[in-house]
Amino acid sequence: MLTVILKIIPALIFFGIFIFVVLQVPYPKSLTQASFYQIGIFFASLFLALMITFNLFFKNIFLSLSFSLGIIFLLILKALDSLNFITTSLTLLAIGLLFSYFKKAKKRGLTK
């Protein structure tokens, strides 16, 4: 029970940081008018919060990184109004390929 709580605490801390960023950083009218600081701090805090949260479920940091990166890419494409069927399917294909690459291989015995 204690190990579960210790794994949840970093996710809560990073989501707290993300909520703090959303509430405290002044937001621009559009993504194209945003400064590098506003974009960087928003997406970095969201990426870290998603990565730590997905790591609780996947128990593999590389799967968590690739899934979080895919969500960030989809959000950026949506904000730039470039999200359509082609970009969505290509992003999901790339994430699927990353998942298949980082999946844990089943260990086989020496005799099999």
PDB file of N, CA and C in Angstrom:
ATOM      1  N   MET A   1       0.820  -1.193   0.000  1.00  0.00           N
ATOM      2  CA  MET A   1       0.000   0.000   0.000  1.00  0.00           C
ATOM      3  C   MET A   1       0.869   1.265   0.000  1.00  0.00           C
ATOM      4  N   LEU A   2       1.932   1.222   0.772  1.00  0.00           N
ATOM      5  CA  LEU A   2       2.818   2.377   0.847  1.00  0.00           C
ATOM      6  C   LEU A   2       3.532   2.624  -0.477  1.00  0.00           C
ATOM      7  N   THR A   3       3.877   1.549  -1.188  1.00  0.00           N
ATOM      8  CA  THR A   3       4.555   1.724  -2.475  1.00  0.00           C
ATOM      9  C   THR A   3       3.632   2.355  -3.509  1.00  0.00           C
ATOM     10  N   VAL A   4       2.344   2.033  -3.453  1.00  0.00           N
ATOM     11  CA  VAL A   4       1.385   2.640  -4.380  1.00  0.00           C
ATOM     12  C   VAL A   4       1.266   4.131  -4.102  1.00  0.00           C
ATOM     13  N   ILE A   5       1.203   4.490  -2.843  1.00  0.00           N
ATOM     14  CA  ILE A   5       1.106   5.905  -2.481  1.00  0.00           C
ATOM     15  C   ILE A   5       2.368   6.653  -2.897  1.00  0.00           C
ATOM     16  N   LEU A   6       3.518   6.029  -2.722  1.00  0.00           N
ATOM     17  CA  LEU A   6       4.769   6.677  -3.118  1.00  0.00           C
ATOM     18  C   LEU A   6       4.882   6.840  -4.630  1.00  0.00           C
ATOM     19  N   LYS A   7       4.206   5.998  -5.392  1.00  0.00           N
ATOM     20  CA  LYS A   7       4.218   6.145  -6.848  1.00  0.00           C
ATOM     21  C   LYS A   7       3.219   7.193  -7.316  1.00  0.00           C
ATOM     22  N   ILE A   8       2.151   7.393  -6.566  1.00  0.00           N
ATOM     23  CA  ILE A   8       1.121   8.356  -6.958  1.00  0.00           C
ATOM     24  C   ILE A   8       1.535   9.787  -6.621  1.00  0.00           C
ATOM     25  N   ILE A   9       2.329   9.965  -5.589  1.00  0.00           N
ATOM     26  CA  ILE A   9       2.712  11.310  -5.142  1.00  0.00           C
ATOM     27  C   ILE A   9       3.422  12.119  -6.232  1.00  0.00           C
ATOM     28  N   PRO A  10       4.405  11.572  -6.983  1.00  0.00           N
ATOM     29  CA  PRO A  10       5.014  12.389  -8.052  1.00  0.00           C
ATOM     30  C   PRO A  10       4.012  12.804  -9.132  1.00  0.00           C
ATOM     31  N   ALA A  11       3.066  11.934  -9.462  1.00  0.00           N
ATOM     32  CA  ALA A  11       2.057  12.299 -10.457  1.00  0.00           C
ATOM     33  C   ALA A  11       1.207  13.457  -9.954  1.00  0.00           C
ATOM     34  N   LEU A  12       0.823  13.410  -8.691  1.00  0.00           N
ATOM     35  CA  LEU A  12       0.034  14.505  -8.124  1.00  0.00           C
ATOM     36  C   LEU A  12       0.834  15.802  -8.066  1.00  0.00           C
ATOM     37  N   ILE A  13       2.109  15.699  -7.758  1.00  0.00           N
ATOM     38  CA  ILE A  13       2.963  16.893  -7.716  1.00  0.00           C
ATOM     39  C   ILE A  13       3.072  17.522  -9.102  1.00  0.00           C
ATOM     40  N   PHE A  14       3.294  16.697 -10.132  1.00  0.00           N
ATOM     41  CA  PHE A  14       3.432  17.252 -11.479  1.00  0.00           C
ATOM     42  C   PHE A  14       2.110  17.792 -12.014  1.00  0.00           C
ATOM     43  N   PHE A  15       0.985  17.169 -11.661  1.00  0.00           N
ATOM     44  CA  PHE A  15      -0.299  17.747 -12.062  1.00  0.00           C
ATOM     45  C   PHE A  15      -0.571  19.036 -11.293  1.00  0.00           C
ATOM     46  N   GLY A  16      -0.102  19.124 -10.053  1.00  0.00           N
ATOM     47  CA  GLY A  16      -0.204  20.379  -9.311  1.00  0.00           C
ATOM     48  C   GLY A  16       0.604  21.482  -9.969  1.00  0.00           C
ATOM     49  N   ILE A  17       1.801  21.144 -10.436  1.00  0.00           N
ATOM     50  CA  ILE A  17       2.626  22.120 -11.159  1.00  0.00           C
ATOM     51  C   ILE A  17       1.934  22.549 -12.445  1.00  0.00           C
ATOM     52  N   PHE A  18       1.329  21.585 -13.159  1.00  0.00           N
ATOM     53  CA  PHE A  18       0.624  21.914 -14.400  1.00  0.00           C
ATOM     54  C   PHE A  18      -0.561  22.836 -14.126  1.00  0.00           C
ATOM     55  N   ILE A  19      -1.327  22.544 -13.090  1.00  0.00           N
ATOM     56  CA  ILE A  19      -2.468  23.400 -12.745  1.00  0.00           C
ATOM     57  C   ILE A  19      -1.986  24.790 -12.339  1.00  0.00           C
ATOM     58  N   PHE A  20      -0.879  24.854 -11.610  1.00  0.00           N
ATOM     59  CA  PHE A  20      -0.300  26.150 -11.247  1.00  0.00           C
ATOM     60  C   PHE A  20       0.089  26.938 -12.495  1.00  0.00           C
ATOM     61  N   VAL A  21       0.693  26.266 -13.463  1.00  0.00           N
ATOM     62  CA  VAL A  21       1.091  26.932 -14.713  1.00  0.00           C
ATOM     63  C   VAL A  21      -0.136  27.439 -15.459  1.00  0.00           C
ATOM     64  N   VAL A  22      -1.172  26.624 -15.524  1.00  0.00           N
ATOM     65  CA  VAL A  22      -2.385  27.029 -16.239  1.00  0.00           C
ATOM     66  C   VAL A  22      -3.020  28.245 -15.572  1.00  0.00           C
ATOM     67  N   LEU A  23      -3.022  28.271 -14.255  1.00  0.00           N
ATOM     68  CA  LEU A  23      -3.680  29.369 -13.550  1.00  0.00           C
ATOM     69  C   LEU A  23      -2.820  30.626 -13.444  1.00  0.00           C
ATOM     70  N   GLN A  24      -1.494  30.512 -13.461  1.00  0.00           N
ATOM     71  CA  GLN A  24      -0.639  31.662 -13.205  1.00  0.00           C
ATOM     72  C   GLN A  24       0.007  32.271 -14.447  1.00  0.00           C
ATOM     73  N   VAL A  25       0.319  31.479 -15.440  1.00  0.00           N
ATOM     74  CA  VAL A  25       0.965  32.019 -16.641  1.00  0.00           C
ATOM     75  C   VAL A  25      -0.105  32.690 -17.495  1.00  0.00           C
ATOM     76  N   PRO A  26       0.106  33.944 -17.885  1.00  0.00           N
ATOM     77  CA  PRO A  26      -0.893  34.617 -18.719  1.00  0.00           C
ATOM     78  C   PRO A  26      -1.001  33.939 -20.087  1.00  0.00           C
ATOM     79  N   TYR A  27      -2.215  33.680 -20.485  1.00  0.00           N
ATOM     80  CA  TYR A  27      -2.416  32.956 -21.739  1.00  0.00           C
ATOM     81  C   TYR A  27      -2.583  33.924 -22.910  1.00  0.00           C
ATOM     82  N   PRO A  28      -2.078  33.544 -24.075  1.00  0.00           N
ATOM     83  CA  PRO A  28      -2.193  34.407 -25.262  1.00  0.00           C
ATOM     84  C   PRO A  28      -3.538  34.178 -25.952  1.00  0.00           C
ATOM     85  N   LYS A  29      -3.803  35.010 -26.956  1.00  0.00           N
ATOM     86  CA  LYS A  29      -5.052  34.856 -27.702  1.00  0.00           C
ATOM     87  C   LYS A  29      -5.015  33.641 -28.619  1.00  0.00           C
ATOM     88  N   SER A  30      -3.850  33.319 -29.144  1.00  0.00           N
ATOM     89  CA  SER A  30      -3.710  32.134 -29.998  1.00  0.00           C
ATOM     90  C   SER A  30      -2.315  31.552 -29.800  1.00  0.00           C
ATOM     91  N   LEU A  31      -2.126  30.357 -30.327  1.00  0.00           N
ATOM     92  CA  LEU A  31      -0.837  29.692 -30.179  1.00  0.00           C
ATOM     93  C   LEU A  31       0.254  30.412 -30.962  1.00  0.00           C
ATOM     94  N   THR A  32      -0.110  31.012 -32.081  1.00  0.00           N
ATOM     95  CA  THR A  32       0.889  31.708 -32.891  1.00  0.00           C
ATOM     96  C   THR A  32       1.358  33.004 -32.238  1.00  0.00           C
ATOM     97  N   GLN A  33       0.563  33.576 -31.343  1.00  0.00           N
ATOM     98  CA  GLN A  33       0.947  34.803 -30.648  1.00  0.00           C
ATOM     99  C   GLN A  33       1.646  34.528 -29.323  1.00  0.00           C
ATOM    100  N   ALA A  34       1.736  33.283 -28.934  1.00  0.00           N
ATOM    101  CA  ALA A  34       2.342  32.930 -27.649  1.00  0.00           C
ATOM    102  C   ALA A  34       3.860  33.034 -27.728  1.00  0.00           C
ATOM    103  N   SER A  35       4.452  33.377 -26.606  1.00  0.00           N
ATOM    104  CA  SER A  35       5.912  33.426 -26.544  1.00  0.00           C
ATOM    105  C   SER A  35       6.452  32.015 -26.314  1.00  0.00           C
ATOM    106  N   PHE A  36       7.746  31.876 -26.532  1.00  0.00           N
ATOM    107  CA  PHE A  36       8.381  30.569 -26.334  1.00  0.00           C
ATOM    108  C   PHE A  36       8.266  30.125 -24.880  1.00  0.00           C
ATOM    109  N   TYR A  37       8.352  31.070 -23.968  1.00  0.00           N
ATOM    110  CA  TYR A  37       8.230  30.764 -22.542  1.00  0.00           C
ATOM    111  C   TYR A  37       6.851  30.178 -22.232  1.00  0.00           C
ATOM    112  N   GLN A  38       5.792  30.792 -22.749  1.00  0.00           N
ATOM    113  CA  GLN A  38       4.438  30.315 -22.474  1.00  0.00           C
ATOM    114  C   GLN A  38       4.210  28.921 -23.043  1.00  0.00           C
ATOM    115  N   ILE A  39       4.662  28.704 -24.257  1.00  0.00           N
ATOM    116  CA  ILE A  39       4.478  27.394 -24.888  1.00  0.00           C
ATOM    117  C   ILE A  39       5.326  26.343 -24.188  1.00  0.00           C
ATOM    118  N   GLY A  40       6.570  26.684 -23.921  1.00  0.00           N
ATOM    119  CA  GLY A  40       7.482  25.718 -23.308  1.00  0.00           C
ATOM    120  C   GLY A  40       7.050  25.286 -21.927  1.00  0.00           C
ATOM    121  N   ILE A  41       6.680  26.233 -21.088  1.00  0.00           N
ATOM    122  CA  ILE A  41       6.313  25.886 -19.713  1.00  0.00           C
ATOM    123  C   ILE A  41       5.000  25.105 -19.680  1.00  0.00           C
ATOM    124  N   PHE A  42       4.068  25.429 -20.574  1.00  0.00           N
ATOM    125  CA  PHE A  42       2.797  24.706 -20.607  1.00  0.00           C
ATOM    126  C   PHE A  42       2.998  23.259 -21.047  1.00  0.00           C
ATOM    127  N   PHE A  43       3.652  23.080 -22.186  1.00  0.00           N
ATOM    128  CA  PHE A  43       3.788  21.725 -22.716  1.00  0.00           C
ATOM    129  C   PHE A  43       4.788  20.886 -21.924  1.00  0.00           C
ATOM    130  N   ALA A  44       5.806  21.498 -21.344  1.00  0.00           N
ATOM    131  CA  ALA A  44       6.755  20.729 -20.531  1.00  0.00           C
ATOM    132  C   ALA A  44       6.089  20.208 -19.266  1.00  0.00           C
ATOM    133  N   SER A  45       5.310  21.058 -18.604  1.00  0.00           N
ATOM    134  CA  SER A  45       4.638  20.595 -17.385  1.00  0.00           C
ATOM    135  C   SER A  45       3.564  19.561 -17.706  1.00  0.00           C
ATOM    136  N   LEU A  46       2.843  19.740 -18.809  1.00  0.00           N
ATOM    137  CA  LEU A  46       1.845  18.744 -19.201  1.00  0.00           C
ATOM    138  C   LEU A  46       2.510  17.428 -19.582  1.00  0.00           C
ATOM    139  N   PHE A  47       3.615  17.506 -20.310  1.00  0.00           N
ATOM    140  CA  PHE A  47       4.331  16.297 -20.715  1.00  0.00           C
ATOM    141  C   PHE A  47       4.820  15.512 -19.505  1.00  0.00           C
ATOM    142  N   LEU A  48       5.418  16.191 -18.540  1.00  0.00           N
ATOM    143  CA  LEU A  48       5.916  15.505 -17.349  1.00  0.00           C
ATOM    144  C   LEU A  48       4.779  14.896 -16.532  1.00  0.00           C
ATOM    145  N   ALA A  49       3.672  15.623 -16.404  1.00  0.00           N
ATOM    146  CA  ALA A  49       2.534  15.093 -15.650  1.00  0.00           C
ATOM    147  C   ALA A  49       1.956  13.857 -16.332  1.00  0.00           C
ATOM    148  N   LEU A  50       1.803  13.909 -17.652  1.00  0.00           N
ATOM    149  CA  LEU A  50       1.281  12.747 -18.376  1.00  0.00           C
ATOM    150  C   LEU A  50       2.248  11.577 -18.329  1.00  0.00           C
ATOM    151  N   MET A  51       3.532  11.859 -18.460  1.00  0.00           N
ATOM    152  CA  MET A  51       4.523  10.787 -18.463  1.00  0.00           C
ATOM    153  C   MET A  51       4.533  10.038 -17.132  1.00  0.00           C
ATOM    154  N   ILE A  52       4.535  10.769 -16.030  1.00  0.00           N
ATOM    155  CA  ILE A  52       4.551  10.123 -14.714  1.00  0.00           C
ATOM    156  C   ILE A  52       3.249   9.358 -14.479  1.00  0.00           C
ATOM    157  N   THR A  53       2.129   9.908 -14.925  1.00  0.00           N
ATOM    158  CA  THR A  53       0.847   9.229 -14.740  1.00  0.00           C
ATOM    159  C   THR A  53       0.769   7.958 -15.573  1.00  0.00           C
ATOM    160  N   PHE A  54       1.166   8.020 -16.833  1.00  0.00           N
ATOM    161  CA  PHE A  54       1.114   6.821 -17.675  1.00  0.00           C
ATOM    162  C   PHE A  54       2.129   5.777 -17.234  1.00  0.00           C
ATOM    163  N   ASN A  55       3.191   6.217 -16.593  1.00  0.00           N
ATOM    164  CA  ASN A  55       4.169   5.262 -16.089  1.00  0.00           C
ATOM    165  C   ASN A  55       3.581   4.417 -14.958  1.00  0.00           C
ATOM    166  N   LEU A  56       2.594   4.943 -14.256  1.00  0.00           N
ATOM    167  CA  LEU A  56       1.901   4.147 -13.236  1.00  0.00           C
ATOM    168  C   LEU A  56       1.157   2.974 -13.866  1.00  0.00           C
ATOM    169  N   PHE A  57       0.618   3.183 -15.066  1.00  0.00           N
ATOM    170  CA  PHE A  57      -0.176   2.142 -15.722  1.00  0.00           C
ATOM    171  C   PHE A  57       0.672   1.203 -16.568  1.00  0.00           C
ATOM    172  N   PHE A  58       1.601   1.761 -17.342  1.00  0.00           N
ATOM    173  CA  PHE A  58       2.394   0.939 -18.259  1.00  0.00           C
ATOM    174  C   PHE A  58       3.583   0.265 -17.579  1.00  0.00           C
ATOM    175  N   LYS A  59       4.087   0.884 -16.527  1.00  0.00           N
ATOM    176  CA  LYS A  59       5.273   0.389 -15.811  1.00  0.00           C
ATOM    177  C   LYS A  59       6.492   0.256 -16.731  1.00  0.00           C
ATOM    178  N   ASN A  60       6.539   1.118 -17.723  1.00  0.00           N
ATOM    179  CA  ASN A  60       7.654   1.180 -18.657  1.00  0.00           C
ATOM    180  C   ASN A  60       7.804   2.641 -19.066  1.00  0.00           C
ATOM    181  N   ILE A  61       8.932   3.234 -18.745  1.00  0.00           N
ATOM    182  CA  ILE A  61       9.111   4.663 -18.968  1.00  0.00           C
ATOM    183  C   ILE A  61       9.109   5.013 -20.456  1.00  0.00           C
ATOM    184  N   PHE A  62       9.591   4.118 -21.303  1.00  0.00           N
ATOM    185  CA  PHE A  62       9.632   4.410 -22.735  1.00  0.00           C
ATOM    186  C   PHE A  62       8.234   4.404 -23.348  1.00  0.00           C
ATOM    187  N   LEU A  63       7.369   3.504 -22.905  1.00  0.00           N
ATOM    188  CA  LEU A  63       5.983   3.517 -23.368  1.00  0.00           C
ATOM    189  C   LEU A  63       5.281   4.781 -22.886  1.00  0.00           C
ATOM    190  N   SER A  64       5.555   5.172 -21.661  1.00  0.00           N
ATOM    191  CA  SER A  64       4.949   6.386 -21.117  1.00  0.00           C
ATOM    192  C   SER A  64       5.415   7.620 -21.877  1.00  0.00           C
ATOM    193  N   LEU A  65       6.699   7.665 -22.189  1.00  0.00           N
ATOM    194  CA  LEU A  65       7.237   8.792 -22.955  1.00  0.00           C
ATOM    195  C   LEU A  65       6.605   8.884 -24.335  1.00  0.00           C
ATOM    196  N   SER A  66       6.500   7.758 -25.017  1.00  0.00           N
ATOM    197  CA  SER A  66       5.961   7.795 -26.376  1.00  0.00           C
ATOM    198  C   SER A  66       4.471   8.132 -26.377  1.00  0.00           C
ATOM    199  N   PHE A  67       3.718   7.622 -25.417  1.00  0.00           N
ATOM    200  CA  PHE A  67       2.291   7.934 -25.357  1.00  0.00           C
ATOM    201  C   PHE A  67       2.079   9.410 -25.017  1.00  0.00           C
ATOM    202  N   SER A  68       2.852   9.938 -24.086  1.00  0.00           N
ATOM    203  CA  SER A  68       2.746  11.353 -23.724  1.00  0.00           C
ATOM    204  C   SER A  68       3.149  12.250 -24.889  1.00  0.00           C
ATOM    205  N   LEU A  69       4.188  11.855 -25.592  1.00  0.00           N
ATOM    206  CA  LEU A  69       4.631  12.622 -26.751  1.00  0.00           C
ATOM    207  C   LEU A  69       3.563  12.638 -27.843  1.00  0.00           C
ATOM    208  N   GLY A  70       2.886  11.519 -28.040  1.00  0.00           N
ATOM    209  CA  GLY A  70       1.804  11.467 -29.013  1.00  0.00           C
ATOM    210  C   GLY A  70       0.661  12.394 -28.652  1.00  0.00           C
ATOM    211  N   ILE A  71       0.303  12.434 -27.378  1.00  0.00           N
ATOM    212  CA  ILE A  71      -0.766  13.335 -26.945  1.00  0.00           C
ATOM    213  C   ILE A  71      -0.349  14.790 -27.132  1.00  0.00           C
ATOM    214  N   ILE A  72       0.899  15.100 -26.823  1.00  0.00           N
ATOM    215  CA  ILE A  72       1.390  16.468 -27.003  1.00  0.00           C
ATOM    216  C   ILE A  72       1.375  16.846 -28.487  1.00  0.00           C
ATOM    217  N   PHE A  73       1.806  15.941 -29.354  1.00  0.00           N
ATOM    218  CA  PHE A  73       1.765  16.212 -30.796  1.00  0.00           C
ATOM    219  C   PHE A  73       0.340  16.466 -31.272  1.00  0.00           C
ATOM    220  N   LEU A  74      -0.600  15.650 -30.820  1.00  0.00           N
ATOM    221  CA  LEU A  74      -1.990  15.844 -31.226  1.00  0.00           C
ATOM    222  C   LEU A  74      -2.540  17.175 -30.714  1.00  0.00           C
ATOM    223  N   LEU A  75      -2.173  17.566 -29.503  1.00  0.00           N
ATOM    224  CA  LEU A  75      -2.613  18.862 -28.979  1.00  0.00           C
ATOM    225  C   LEU A  75      -2.020  20.027 -29.765  1.00  0.00           C
ATOM    226  N   ILE A  76      -0.756  19.918 -30.141  1.00  0.00           N
ATOM    227  CA  ILE A  76      -0.126  20.983 -30.926  1.00  0.00           C
ATOM    228  C   ILE A  76      -0.768  21.074 -32.306  1.00  0.00           C
ATOM    229  N   LEU A  77      -1.022  19.933 -32.931  1.00  0.00           N
ATOM    230  CA  LEU A  77      -1.686  19.948 -34.240  1.00  0.00           C
ATOM    231  C   LEU A  77      -3.087  20.539 -34.141  1.00  0.00           C
ATOM    232  N   LYS A  78      -3.797  20.232 -33.077  1.00  0.00           N
ATOM    233  CA  LYS A  78      -5.138  20.790 -32.885  1.00  0.00           C
ATOM    234  C   LYS A  78      -5.062  22.297 -32.670  1.00  0.00           C
ATOM    235  N   ALA A  79      -4.089  22.749 -31.893  1.00  0.00           N
ATOM    236  CA  ALA A  79      -3.958  24.184 -31.631  1.00  0.00           C
ATOM    237  C   ALA A  79      -3.584  24.954 -32.892  1.00  0.00           C
ATOM    238  N   LEU A  80      -2.815  24.328 -33.770  1.00  0.00           N
ATOM    239  CA  LEU A  80      -2.434  24.976 -35.029  1.00  0.00           C
ATOM    240  C   LEU A  80      -3.479  24.784 -36.118  1.00  0.00           C
ATOM    241  N   ASP A  81      -4.581  24.143 -35.787  1.00  0.00           N
ATOM    242  CA  ASP A  81      -5.680  23.858 -36.705  1.00  0.00           C
ATOM    243  C   ASP A  81      -5.208  23.020 -37.892  1.00  0.00           C
ATOM    244  N   SER A  82      -4.304  22.096 -37.626  1.00  0.00           N
ATOM    245  CA  SER A  82      -3.784  21.198 -38.653  1.00  0.00           C
ATOM    246  C   SER A  82      -4.170  19.753 -38.397  1.00  0.00           C
ATOM    247  N   LEU A  83      -5.020  19.532 -37.424  1.00  0.00           N
ATOM    248  CA  LEU A  83      -5.413  18.171 -37.085  1.00  0.00           C
ATOM    249  C   LEU A  83      -6.501  17.713 -38.049  1.00  0.00           C
ATOM    250  N   ASN A  84      -6.181  16.709 -38.836  1.00  0.00           N
ATOM    251  CA  ASN A  84      -7.154  16.100 -39.727  1.00  0.00           C
ATOM    252  C   ASN A  84      -6.950  14.588 -39.689  1.00  0.00           C
ATOM    253  N   PHE A  85      -7.646  13.883 -40.557  1.00  0.00           N
ATOM    254  CA  PHE A  85      -7.584  12.427 -40.532  1.00  0.00           C
ATOM    255  C   PHE A  85      -6.175  11.917 -40.827  1.00  0.00           C
ATOM    256  N   ILE A  86      -5.500  12.545 -41.775  1.00  0.00           N
ATOM    257  CA  ILE A  86      -4.164  12.088 -42.174  1.00  0.00           C
ATOM    258  C   ILE A  86      -3.155  12.299 -41.047  1.00  0.00           C
ATOM    259  N   THR A  87      -3.121  13.503 -40.472  1.00  0.00           N
ATOM    260  CA  THR A  87      -2.148  13.764 -39.411  1.00  0.00           C
ATOM    261  C   THR A  87      -2.442  12.935 -38.166  1.00  0.00           C
ATOM    262  N   THR A  88      -3.718  12.733 -37.871  1.00  0.00           N
ATOM    263  CA  THR A  88      -4.075  11.899 -36.720  1.00  0.00           C
ATOM    264  C   THR A  88      -3.644  10.466 -36.935  1.00  0.00           C
ATOM    265  N   SER A  89      -3.930   9.933 -38.120  1.00  0.00           N
ATOM    266  CA  SER A  89      -3.568   8.537 -38.374  1.00  0.00           C
ATOM    267  C   SER A  89      -2.049   8.350 -38.422  1.00  0.00           C
ATOM    268  N   LEU A  90      -1.321   9.316 -38.975  1.00  0.00           N
ATOM    269  CA  LEU A  90       0.143   9.206 -38.991  1.00  0.00           C
ATOM    270  C   LEU A  90       0.737   9.301 -37.584  1.00  0.00           C
ATOM    271  N   THR A  91       0.171  10.168 -36.759  1.00  0.00           N
ATOM    272  CA  THR A  91       0.645  10.272 -35.377  1.00  0.00           C
ATOM    273  C   THR A  91       0.352   8.993 -34.611  1.00  0.00           C
ATOM    274  N   LEU A  92      -0.848   8.456 -34.773  1.00  0.00           N
ATOM    275  CA  LEU A  92      -1.195   7.205 -34.089  1.00  0.00           C
ATOM    276  C   LEU A  92      -0.356   6.038 -34.602  1.00  0.00           C
ATOM    277  N   LEU A  93      -0.045   6.042 -35.888  1.00  0.00           N
ATOM    278  CA  LEU A  93       0.824   5.002 -36.442  1.00  0.00           C
ATOM    279  C   LEU A  93       2.227   5.095 -35.841  1.00  0.00           C
ATOM    280  N   ALA A  94       2.740   6.315 -35.727  1.00  0.00           N
ATOM    281  CA  ALA A  94       4.071   6.494 -35.135  1.00  0.00           C
ATOM    282  C   ALA A  94       4.087   6.053 -33.675  1.00  0.00           C
ATOM    283  N   ILE A  95       3.041   6.370 -32.941  1.00  0.00           N
ATOM    284  CA  ILE A  95       2.966   5.952 -31.538  1.00  0.00           C
ATOM    285  C   ILE A  95       2.832   4.442 -31.446  1.00  0.00           C
ATOM    286  N   GLY A  96       2.053   3.849 -32.338  1.00  0.00           N
ATOM    287  CA  GLY A  96       1.937   2.388 -32.362  1.00  0.00           C
ATOM    288  C   GLY A  96       3.259   1.713 -32.665  1.00  0.00           C
ATOM    289  N   LEU A  97       4.025   2.280 -33.592  1.00  0.00           N
ATOM    290  CA  LEU A  97       5.342   1.719 -33.896  1.00  0.00           C
ATOM    291  C   LEU A  97       6.303   1.871 -32.718  1.00  0.00           C
ATOM    292  N   LEU A  98       6.225   2.998 -32.029  1.00  0.00           N
ATOM    293  CA  LEU A  98       7.054   3.164 -30.836  1.00  0.00           C
ATOM    294  C   LEU A  98       6.654   2.172 -29.747  1.00  0.00           C
ATOM    295  N   PHE A  99       5.342   1.943 -29.601  1.00  0.00           N
ATOM    296  CA  PHE A  99       4.875   0.960 -28.617  1.00  0.00           C
ATOM    297  C   PHE A  99       5.411  -0.421 -28.940  1.00  0.00           C
ATOM    298  N   SER A 100       5.333  -0.800 -30.206  1.00  0.00           N
ATOM    299  CA  SER A 100       5.793  -2.142 -30.568  1.00  0.00           C
ATOM    300  C   SER A 100       7.309  -2.264 -30.413  1.00  0.00           C
ATOM    301  N   TYR A 101       8.023  -1.178 -30.591  1.00  0.00           N
ATOM    302  CA  TYR A 101       9.476  -1.216 -30.438  1.00  0.00           C
ATOM    303  C   TYR A 101       9.878  -1.323 -28.969  1.00  0.00           C
ATOM    304  N   PHE A 102       9.189  -0.602 -28.104  1.00  0.00           N
ATOM    305  CA  PHE A 102       9.568  -0.560 -26.697  1.00  0.00           C
ATOM    306  C   PHE A 102       8.889  -1.621 -25.840  1.00  0.00           C
ATOM    307  N   LYS A 103       8.050  -2.436 -26.444  1.00  0.00           N
ATOM    308  CA  LYS A 103       7.385  -3.472 -25.664  1.00  0.00           C
ATOM    309  C   LYS A 103       8.414  -4.437 -25.109  1.00  0.00           C
ATOM    310  N   LYS A 104       8.151  -4.917 -23.928  1.00  0.00           N
ATOM    311  CA  LYS A 104       9.079  -5.870 -23.311  1.00  0.00           C
ATOM    312  C   LYS A 104       8.984  -7.203 -24.034  1.00  0.00           C
ATOM    313  N   ALA A 105      10.121  -7.728 -24.388  1.00  0.00           N
ATOM    314  CA  ALA A 105      10.161  -9.050 -25.010  1.00  0.00           C
ATOM    315  C   ALA A 105       9.999 -10.102 -23.923  1.00  0.00           C
ATOM    316  N   LYS A 106       9.226 -11.125 -24.226  1.00  0.00           N
ATOM    317  CA  LYS A 106       9.044 -12.193 -23.255  1.00  0.00           C
ATOM    318  C   LYS A 106      10.319 -13.012 -23.178  1.00  0.00           C
ATOM    319  N   LYS A 107      10.731 -13.266 -21.969  1.00  0.00           N
ATOM    320  CA  LYS A 107      11.958 -14.031 -21.771  1.00  0.00           C
ATOM    321  C   LYS A 107      11.672 -15.504 -22.007  1.00  0.00           C
ATOM    322  N   ARG A 108      12.493 -16.109 -22.794  1.00  0.00           N
ATOM    323  CA  ARG A 108      12.368 -17.534 -23.070  1.00  0.00           C
ATOM    324  C   ARG A 108      13.504 -18.266 -22.388  1.00  0.00           C
ATOM    325  N   GLY A 109      13.260 -19.499 -22.102  1.00  0.00           N
ATOM    326  CA  GLY A 109      14.299 -20.318 -21.493  1.00  0.00           C
ATOM    327  C   GLY A 109      15.377 -20.662 -22.505  1.00  0.00           C
ATOM    328  N   LEU A 110      16.452 -21.184 -22.029  1.00  0.00           N
ATOM    329  CA  LEU A 110      17.555 -21.542 -22.915  1.00  0.00           C
ATOM    330  C   LEU A 110      17.223 -22.746 -23.787  1.00  0.00           C
ATOM    331  N   THR A 111      16.291 -23.575 -23.357  1.00  0.00           N
ATOM    332  CA  THR A 111      15.985 -24.791 -24.105  1.00  0.00           C
ATOM    333  C   THR A 111      14.878 -24.592 -25.115  1.00  0.00           C
ATOM    334  N   LYS A 112      14.185 -23.491 -25.095  1.00  0.00           N
ATOM    335  CA  LYS A 112      13.060 -23.284 -26.018  1.00  0.00           C
ATOM    336  C   LYS A 112      13.465 -22.489 -27.223  1.00  0.00           C
TER     337      LYS A 112
END
